[in-house]
Amino acid sequence: MSANNSSENLDLISDEMIKILELSLTIPLHGSTSAVGLVTNFLCMVILFKLGLTNSMNILVFVLSMTDFLVTTLQLSICLCFLLKYLYPDCEVDLWVMGFYTLGWVRYAGFFISCWITTLISVERCLCVVSPFNVGMIVTKTRTIVVVIFIYIAFLGLVTPIYIQQKLDWELQYTIGTNGTLFEKWVLTVSFTEQSASLEIIVDTVGAVSLSLLSQLILTFCTVWMISALKTSSKIRKVNSDGITLNQLSGAPIQDEKETGLTSKERRLLRMVICLALILTACNVPRYAEIAAYHLIPGMNVGKYKNLSGFLWDLSDLFSTLNCSCNFIVYWKLNSKFRKCVKDMSCRRRLKNNKTYS
């Protein structure tokens, strides 16, 4: 009987190891990544607003930065709650659970909103490649704003029932002192019930699995299509630069070069969107690995490996925050107007400081 209990409670990660992993992931890595993302996304919003929200692409990129700013701000707040848990262990309020549970679900929704906006950006670029002359009529500013609002309402509405169901209650907790003495205290925390657990499973199934996988499938298809279009455009440019006719290359007549080639500006924009899509795909790998583990490891879905599950959650959250923090680098590398605006702002700031100290 005892052997069975010990095997059932066996976890792949010990309690001591999970504390070390939580401290190393949540405080130094997750906190610093969130702080960097908060600053860079705010800077992105300022610069993109200065460049002007003149078309659907500019609007989507601005909303993406705004959403990532929201995600990184919430994640940094969650990290602070985690830090307060260790700084004030005798606090009568469970700061970690309340912070994580209260802020975590909004952050959760924000990340999936960010995923879908990245997917929308990829779809818009695909339409520009497939039907460049009709994309202006298909993707308008008004339609883009309506779709973005719909995505926000859908995901925030998905997690709203959890907050309605959420209840605060005083719970009796026990702690063991250094001399082995058992202490008890009442702590204000979030109370978990079977109904709330069932609701969380439904939200996870719809948001983290169904809608997330649908977004990833669309994103993957669009990314492959854009990479193919970029390669085709490069071949056409090489052929033209070598002085070989397109008919000699393929044996088939080409009606219009504009239908097969891409301008230099379009290629740069396409590369930027491809980079955003590839970064999101790479950062989603730990999340999908976690979903696979829940289905492949026996007992994982019923809480048998609690520490392993917690570590996988922390890891996937870290990569999610990383995805929301590195878009500035993509814009800087592949958008000349963005880069020029950053340099101009930096120069003006430097001149202003020089005048102040002179």
Protein backbone atom coordinates (compact mmCIF):
# COMPACT_ATOMS: atom_id res chain seq x y z
CA MET A 1 0.00 0.00 0.00
CA SER A 2 2.77 2.44 0.95
CA ALA A 3 4.74 1.48 -2.16
CA ASN A 4 1.77 2.30 -4.35
CA ASN A 5 1.28 5.65 -2.63
CA SER A 6 4.93 6.54 -3.04
CA SER A 7 4.88 5.63 -6.72
CA GLU A 8 1.68 7.61 -7.26
CA ASN A 9 3.17 10.66 -5.56
CA LEU A 10 6.48 10.29 -7.39
CA ASP A 11 7.33 13.45 -9.34
CA LEU A 12 10.02 13.82 -11.98
CA ILE A 13 11.17 17.06 -10.30
CA SER A 14 11.73 17.26 -6.54
CA ASP A 15 10.26 20.00 -4.33
CA GLU A 16 13.73 21.45 -3.69
CA MET A 17 14.56 21.51 -7.40
CA ILE A 18 11.26 23.15 -8.37
CA LYS A 19 11.94 25.97 -5.88
CA ILE A 20 15.34 26.57 -7.47
CA LEU A 21 13.84 26.51 -10.97
CA GLU A 22 11.01 28.86 -9.97
CA LEU A 23 13.42 31.35 -8.44
CA SER A 24 15.76 31.25 -11.44
CA LEU A 25 12.96 31.50 -14.01
CA THR A 26 10.51 33.84 -12.31
CA ILE A 27 12.79 36.43 -10.74
CA PRO A 28 15.96 36.93 -12.88
CA LEU A 29 14.89 35.66 -16.32
CA HIS A 30 11.16 36.28 -16.39
CA GLY A 31 11.35 39.58 -14.51
CA SER A 32 14.16 41.02 -16.63
CA THR A 33 12.53 39.84 -19.87
CA SER A 34 9.25 41.47 -18.84
CA ALA A 35 10.99 44.73 -17.91
CA VAL A 36 12.82 44.86 -21.25
CA GLY A 37 9.58 44.07 -23.09
CA LEU A 38 7.70 46.78 -21.22
CA VAL A 39 10.26 49.44 -22.23
CA THR A 40 10.74 48.32 -25.84
CA ASN A 41 7.03 47.90 -26.54
CA PHE A 42 6.29 51.36 -25.14
CA LEU A 43 9.03 52.74 -27.38
CA CYS A 44 7.56 50.84 -30.34
CA MET A 45 4.12 52.35 -29.70
CA VAL A 46 5.55 55.89 -29.60
CA ILE A 47 7.58 55.42 -32.79
CA LEU A 48 4.80 53.67 -34.73
CA PHE A 49 2.36 56.41 -33.73
CA LYS A 50 4.84 59.03 -34.96
CA LEU A 51 5.18 57.18 -38.28
CA GLY A 52 1.39 57.31 -38.63
CA LEU A 53 -1.41 54.75 -38.55
CA THR A 54 -2.19 55.30 -42.22
CA ASN A 55 -3.00 51.76 -43.34
CA SER A 56 -4.08 48.37 -42.02
CA MET A 57 -0.51 47.07 -41.64
CA ASN A 58 0.56 50.04 -39.51
CA ILE A 59 -2.55 49.65 -37.35
CA LEU A 60 -1.93 45.93 -36.81
CA VAL A 61 1.74 46.42 -35.91
CA PHE A 62 0.80 49.22 -33.49
CA VAL A 63 -1.91 47.07 -31.84
CA LEU A 64 0.60 44.20 -31.61
CA SER A 65 3.03 46.43 -29.71
CA MET A 66 0.20 47.69 -27.49
CA THR A 67 -0.91 44.12 -26.70
CA ASP A 68 2.66 42.99 -26.02
CA PHE A 69 3.07 46.01 -23.73
CA LEU A 70 0.01 44.86 -21.79
CA VAL A 71 1.32 41.27 -21.56
CA THR A 72 4.80 42.27 -20.35
CA THR A 73 3.38 44.76 -17.83
CA LEU A 74 1.09 42.13 -16.33
CA GLN A 75 3.88 39.55 -16.29
CA LEU A 76 6.23 41.96 -14.50
CA SER A 77 3.49 42.57 -11.91
CA ILE A 78 3.12 38.79 -11.44
CA CYS A 79 6.89 38.50 -10.91
CA LEU A 80 6.72 41.23 -8.26
CA CYS A 81 3.94 39.30 -6.50
CA PHE A 82 6.18 36.22 -6.55
CA LEU A 83 9.04 38.25 -5.05
CA LEU A 84 6.76 39.67 -2.33
CA LYS A 85 5.81 36.11 -1.40
CA TYR A 86 9.43 35.44 -0.36
CA LEU A 87 10.02 38.88 1.17
CA TYR A 88 6.91 38.69 3.36
CA PRO A 89 6.32 34.99 4.15
CA ASP A 90 4.17 35.82 7.19
CA CYS A 91 1.79 38.10 5.32
CA GLU A 92 -1.88 37.32 5.97
CA VAL A 93 -2.67 37.76 2.28
CA ASP A 94 -1.49 35.13 -0.22
CA LEU A 95 0.13 37.67 -2.55
CA TRP A 96 1.46 35.09 -4.99
CA VAL A 97 -1.79 33.19 -5.56
CA MET A 98 -3.91 36.35 -5.68
CA GLY A 99 -1.47 38.12 -8.01
CA PHE A 100 -0.95 35.14 -10.27
CA TYR A 101 -4.62 34.20 -10.43
CA THR A 102 -5.97 37.75 -10.74
CA LEU A 103 -3.44 39.03 -13.28
CA GLY A 104 -2.52 35.71 -14.87
CA TRP A 105 -5.75 35.10 -16.75
CA VAL A 106 -5.75 38.57 -18.34
CA ARG A 107 -2.11 38.06 -19.30
CA TYR A 108 -3.09 34.64 -20.64
CA ALA A 109 -5.77 36.22 -22.85
CA GLY A 110 -3.38 39.00 -23.89
CA PHE A 111 -0.79 36.55 -25.17
CA PHE A 112 -3.31 34.73 -27.37
CA ILE A 113 -4.59 38.08 -28.64
CA SER A 114 -0.98 38.86 -29.59
CA CYS A 115 -0.76 35.50 -31.41
CA TRP A 116 -3.89 36.21 -33.44
CA ILE A 117 -2.76 39.74 -34.34
CA THR A 118 0.54 38.31 -35.61
CA THR A 119 -1.53 35.84 -37.64
CA LEU A 120 -3.61 38.71 -39.05
CA ILE A 121 -0.43 40.52 -40.08
CA SER A 122 0.73 37.38 -41.91
CA VAL A 123 -2.65 36.95 -43.62
CA GLU A 124 -2.56 40.58 -44.77
CA ARG A 125 0.91 40.13 -46.28
CA CYS A 126 -0.19 36.90 -47.96
CA LEU A 127 -3.10 38.71 -49.58
CA CYS A 128 -0.66 41.35 -50.82
CA VAL A 129 1.32 38.58 -52.54
CA VAL A 130 -1.67 36.63 -53.86
CA SER A 131 -3.85 39.55 -54.92
CA PRO A 132 -1.83 42.79 -54.76
CA PHE A 133 -4.37 44.83 -56.75
CA ASN A 134 -7.40 43.84 -54.65
CA VAL A 135 -5.90 43.78 -51.15
CA GLY A 136 -6.70 47.47 -50.63
CA MET A 137 -10.41 46.76 -51.10
CA ILE A 138 -10.35 43.54 -49.03
CA VAL A 139 -8.30 44.77 -46.06
CA THR A 140 -9.40 48.28 -45.09
CA LYS A 141 -8.62 50.29 -41.96
CA THR A 142 -12.20 50.02 -40.74
CA ARG A 143 -12.35 46.25 -41.21
CA THR A 144 -8.99 45.84 -39.52
CA ILE A 145 -10.12 47.80 -36.45
CA VAL A 146 -13.38 45.81 -36.28
CA VAL A 147 -11.51 42.47 -36.44
CA VAL A 148 -9.03 43.57 -33.75
CA ILE A 149 -11.88 44.67 -31.45
CA PHE A 150 -13.62 41.34 -32.07
CA ILE A 151 -10.46 39.41 -31.11
CA TYR A 152 -10.10 41.41 -27.90
CA ILE A 153 -13.76 40.90 -26.97
CA ALA A 154 -13.58 37.16 -27.76
CA PHE A 155 -10.55 36.39 -25.59
CA LEU A 156 -11.40 38.73 -22.73
CA GLY A 157 -14.92 37.31 -22.78
CA LEU A 158 -13.41 33.82 -22.63
CA VAL A 159 -11.68 34.49 -19.29
CA THR A 160 -14.42 36.70 -17.78
CA PRO A 161 -16.41 33.73 -16.34
CA ILE A 162 -13.33 32.76 -14.32
CA TYR A 163 -13.33 36.15 -12.61
CA ILE A 164 -17.07 35.91 -12.01
CA GLN A 165 -16.58 32.47 -10.45
CA GLN A 166 -13.50 33.55 -8.49
CA LYS A 167 -13.98 33.95 -4.73
CA LEU A 168 -11.73 35.15 -1.92
CA ASP A 169 -11.78 33.23 1.33
CA TRP A 170 -9.81 32.79 4.54
CA GLU A 171 -7.94 29.50 4.53
CA LEU A 172 -6.15 27.77 7.38
CA GLN A 173 -2.55 26.99 6.37
CA TYR A 174 0.13 25.06 8.22
CA THR A 175 3.87 25.72 8.21
CA ILE A 176 6.74 23.88 9.87
CA GLY A 177 9.32 25.96 11.72
CA THR A 178 13.08 25.38 11.80
CA ASN A 179 12.77 23.45 15.07
CA GLY A 180 10.02 21.21 13.67
CA THR A 181 7.18 23.08 15.38
CA LEU A 182 3.90 23.14 13.46
CA PHE A 183 2.37 26.60 13.06
CA GLU A 184 -1.06 27.47 11.75
CA LYS A 185 -2.38 30.76 10.40
CA TRP A 186 -5.36 32.09 8.49
CA VAL A 187 -4.52 33.46 5.05
CA LEU A 188 -6.73 35.39 2.64
CA THR A 189 -6.45 33.62 -0.71
CA VAL A 190 -8.37 32.50 -3.79
CA SER A 191 -10.63 29.55 -3.05
CA PHE A 192 -10.64 26.76 -5.63
CA THR A 193 -13.73 24.59 -6.17
CA GLU A 194 -14.60 21.76 -8.53
CA GLN A 195 -16.76 24.18 -10.51
CA SER A 196 -13.92 26.68 -10.95
CA ALA A 197 -11.53 23.86 -11.90
CA SER A 198 -13.96 22.61 -14.56
CA LEU A 199 -14.33 26.15 -15.89
CA GLU A 200 -10.56 26.54 -16.15
CA ILE A 201 -10.33 23.28 -18.11
CA ILE A 202 -12.93 24.56 -20.58
CA VAL A 203 -11.09 27.89 -21.00
CA ASP A 204 -7.77 26.06 -21.48
CA THR A 205 -9.30 23.71 -24.04
CA VAL A 206 -10.86 26.52 -26.06
CA GLY A 207 -8.11 29.14 -25.70
CA ALA A 208 -4.82 27.29 -25.28
CA VAL A 209 -5.61 24.32 -27.51
CA SER A 210 -8.33 24.93 -30.10
CA LEU A 211 -7.96 28.66 -30.90
CA SER A 212 -4.20 28.63 -30.36
CA LEU A 213 -3.65 25.67 -32.70
CA LEU A 214 -5.96 27.22 -35.31
CA SER A 215 -3.95 30.44 -35.16
CA GLN A 216 -0.69 28.49 -35.45
CA LEU A 217 -1.91 26.50 -38.47
CA ILE A 218 -2.96 29.68 -40.30
CA LEU A 219 0.33 31.34 -39.34
CA THR A 220 2.38 28.37 -40.57
CA PHE A 221 0.54 28.27 -43.90
CA CYS A 222 1.01 32.01 -44.42
CA THR A 223 4.69 31.84 -43.42
CA VAL A 224 5.41 29.05 -45.92
CA TRP A 225 3.55 31.00 -48.62
CA MET A 226 5.49 34.21 -47.88
CA ILE A 227 8.85 32.44 -47.88
CA SER A 228 7.96 30.87 -51.23
CA ALA A 229 6.97 34.27 -52.63
CA LEU A 230 10.21 35.79 -51.36
CA LYS A 231 12.29 33.06 -53.04
CA THR A 232 10.37 33.47 -56.30
CA SER A 233 10.93 37.21 -56.23
CA SER A 234 14.66 36.72 -55.62
CA LYS A 235 14.91 34.36 -58.62
CA ILE A 236 13.12 36.86 -60.85
CA ARG A 237 15.43 39.67 -59.75
CA LYS A 238 18.48 37.48 -60.39
CA VAL A 239 17.20 36.56 -63.84
CA ASN A 240 16.59 40.20 -64.71
CA SER A 241 20.00 41.27 -63.40
CA ASP A 242 21.71 38.54 -65.46
CA GLY A 243 19.97 39.73 -68.61
CA ILE A 244 18.08 36.47 -69.17
CA THR A 245 14.47 36.65 -70.21
CA LEU A 246 11.80 35.03 -68.10
CA ASN A 247 10.70 33.00 -71.12
CA GLN A 248 14.17 31.45 -71.37
CA LEU A 249 14.06 30.50 -67.70
CA SER A 250 10.67 28.81 -67.53
CA GLY A 251 9.56 28.39 -71.11
CA ALA A 252 6.23 30.01 -70.19
CA PRO A 253 5.21 33.60 -70.97
CA ILE A 254 4.93 36.01 -68.07
CA GLN A 255 2.14 38.51 -68.44
CA ASP A 256 3.28 41.15 -65.98
CA GLU A 257 6.43 41.43 -63.90
CA LYS A 258 4.46 43.13 -61.13
CA GLU A 259 2.43 39.96 -60.67
CA THR A 260 5.51 37.82 -60.01
CA GLY A 261 8.16 40.18 -58.61
CA LEU A 262 8.17 42.22 -55.41
CA THR A 263 9.48 45.71 -54.89
CA SER A 264 12.36 46.32 -52.50
CA LYS A 265 9.97 47.82 -49.93
CA GLU A 266 7.60 44.84 -50.21
CA ARG A 267 10.47 42.38 -49.74
CA ARG A 268 11.66 44.16 -46.57
CA LEU A 269 8.14 44.20 -45.17
CA LEU A 270 7.70 40.54 -46.07
CA ARG A 271 10.95 39.63 -44.29
CA MET A 272 9.80 41.53 -41.20
CA VAL A 273 6.48 39.66 -41.09
CA ILE A 274 8.23 36.32 -41.66
CA CYS A 275 10.58 37.03 -38.74
CA LEU A 276 7.64 37.89 -36.47
CA ALA A 277 5.89 34.67 -37.50
CA LEU A 278 8.99 32.50 -37.02
CA ILE A 279 9.71 33.99 -33.57
CA LEU A 280 6.13 33.34 -32.47
CA THR A 281 6.26 29.78 -33.81
CA ALA A 282 9.55 29.05 -32.02
CA CYS A 283 8.27 30.53 -28.75
CA ASN A 284 5.09 28.43 -28.99
CA VAL A 285 7.05 25.14 -29.09
CA PRO A 286 7.27 24.79 -25.25
CA ARG A 287 3.51 25.41 -24.96
CA TYR A 288 2.69 22.72 -27.50
CA ALA A 289 5.23 20.39 -25.86
CA GLU A 290 3.37 20.92 -22.59
CA ILE A 291 0.03 20.11 -24.25
CA ALA A 292 1.58 16.95 -25.72
CA ALA A 293 2.99 15.96 -22.31
CA TYR A 294 -0.47 16.20 -20.74
CA HIS A 295 -1.78 13.71 -23.28
CA LEU A 296 1.24 11.38 -23.56
CA ILE A 297 2.52 11.07 -19.96
CA PRO A 298 0.16 8.84 -17.92
CA GLY A 299 -1.31 10.68 -14.94
CA MET A 300 -0.07 14.10 -16.07
CA ASN A 301 -3.59 15.40 -16.71
CA VAL A 302 -4.80 14.42 -13.21
CA GLY A 303 -2.03 16.16 -11.28
CA LYS A 304 0.31 13.20 -10.73
CA TYR A 305 3.39 15.23 -11.73
CA LYS A 306 2.59 18.56 -10.12
CA ASN A 307 6.16 19.90 -10.08
CA LEU A 308 6.82 18.92 -13.70
CA SER A 309 3.56 20.54 -14.75
CA GLY A 310 4.44 23.73 -12.89
CA PHE A 311 7.89 23.84 -14.49
CA LEU A 312 6.44 23.38 -17.98
CA TRP A 313 3.95 26.17 -17.32
CA ASP A 314 6.75 28.50 -16.16
CA LEU A 315 8.85 27.59 -19.20
CA SER A 316 6.03 28.20 -21.69
CA ASP A 317 5.16 31.49 -19.96
CA LEU A 318 8.81 32.56 -20.17
CA PHE A 319 8.91 31.92 -23.92
CA SER A 320 5.57 33.70 -24.32
CA THR A 321 7.00 36.77 -22.61
CA LEU A 322 10.16 36.49 -24.71
CA ASN A 323 8.02 36.53 -27.85
CA CYS A 324 6.27 39.69 -26.63
CA SER A 325 9.62 41.37 -25.84
CA CYS A 326 11.74 40.98 -28.96
CA ASN A 327 9.66 42.60 -31.72
CA PHE A 328 11.65 45.83 -31.33
CA ILE A 329 14.75 44.03 -32.67
CA VAL A 330 12.83 42.87 -35.76
CA TYR A 331 11.53 46.37 -36.49
CA TRP A 332 15.00 47.84 -35.96
CA LYS A 333 16.70 45.36 -38.28
CA LEU A 334 14.15 45.29 -41.10
CA ASN A 335 12.32 48.65 -41.06
CA SER A 336 14.43 51.60 -42.21
CA LYS A 337 11.79 54.21 -41.27
CA PHE A 338 11.52 52.76 -37.77
CA ARG A 339 15.31 52.78 -37.41
CA LYS A 340 15.57 56.37 -38.67
CA CYS A 341 12.85 57.54 -36.26
CA VAL A 342 14.66 55.93 -33.31
CA LYS A 343 17.93 57.62 -34.30
CA ASP A 344 16.22 61.00 -34.75
CA MET A 345 14.60 60.73 -31.31
CA SER A 346 17.94 59.75 -29.79
CA CYS A 347 19.71 62.69 -31.47
CA ARG A 348 17.07 65.17 -30.32
CA ARG A 349 17.32 63.79 -26.79
CA ARG A 350 21.11 64.11 -26.85
CA LEU A 351 20.95 67.70 -28.15
CA LYS A 352 18.40 68.60 -25.49
CA ASN A 353 20.64 67.18 -22.75
CA ASN A 354 23.66 69.06 -24.12
CA LYS A 355 21.73 72.34 -24.07
CA THR A 356 20.59 71.65 -20.51
CA TYR A 357 24.11 71.07 -19.20
CA SER A 358 25.78 73.82 -21.27
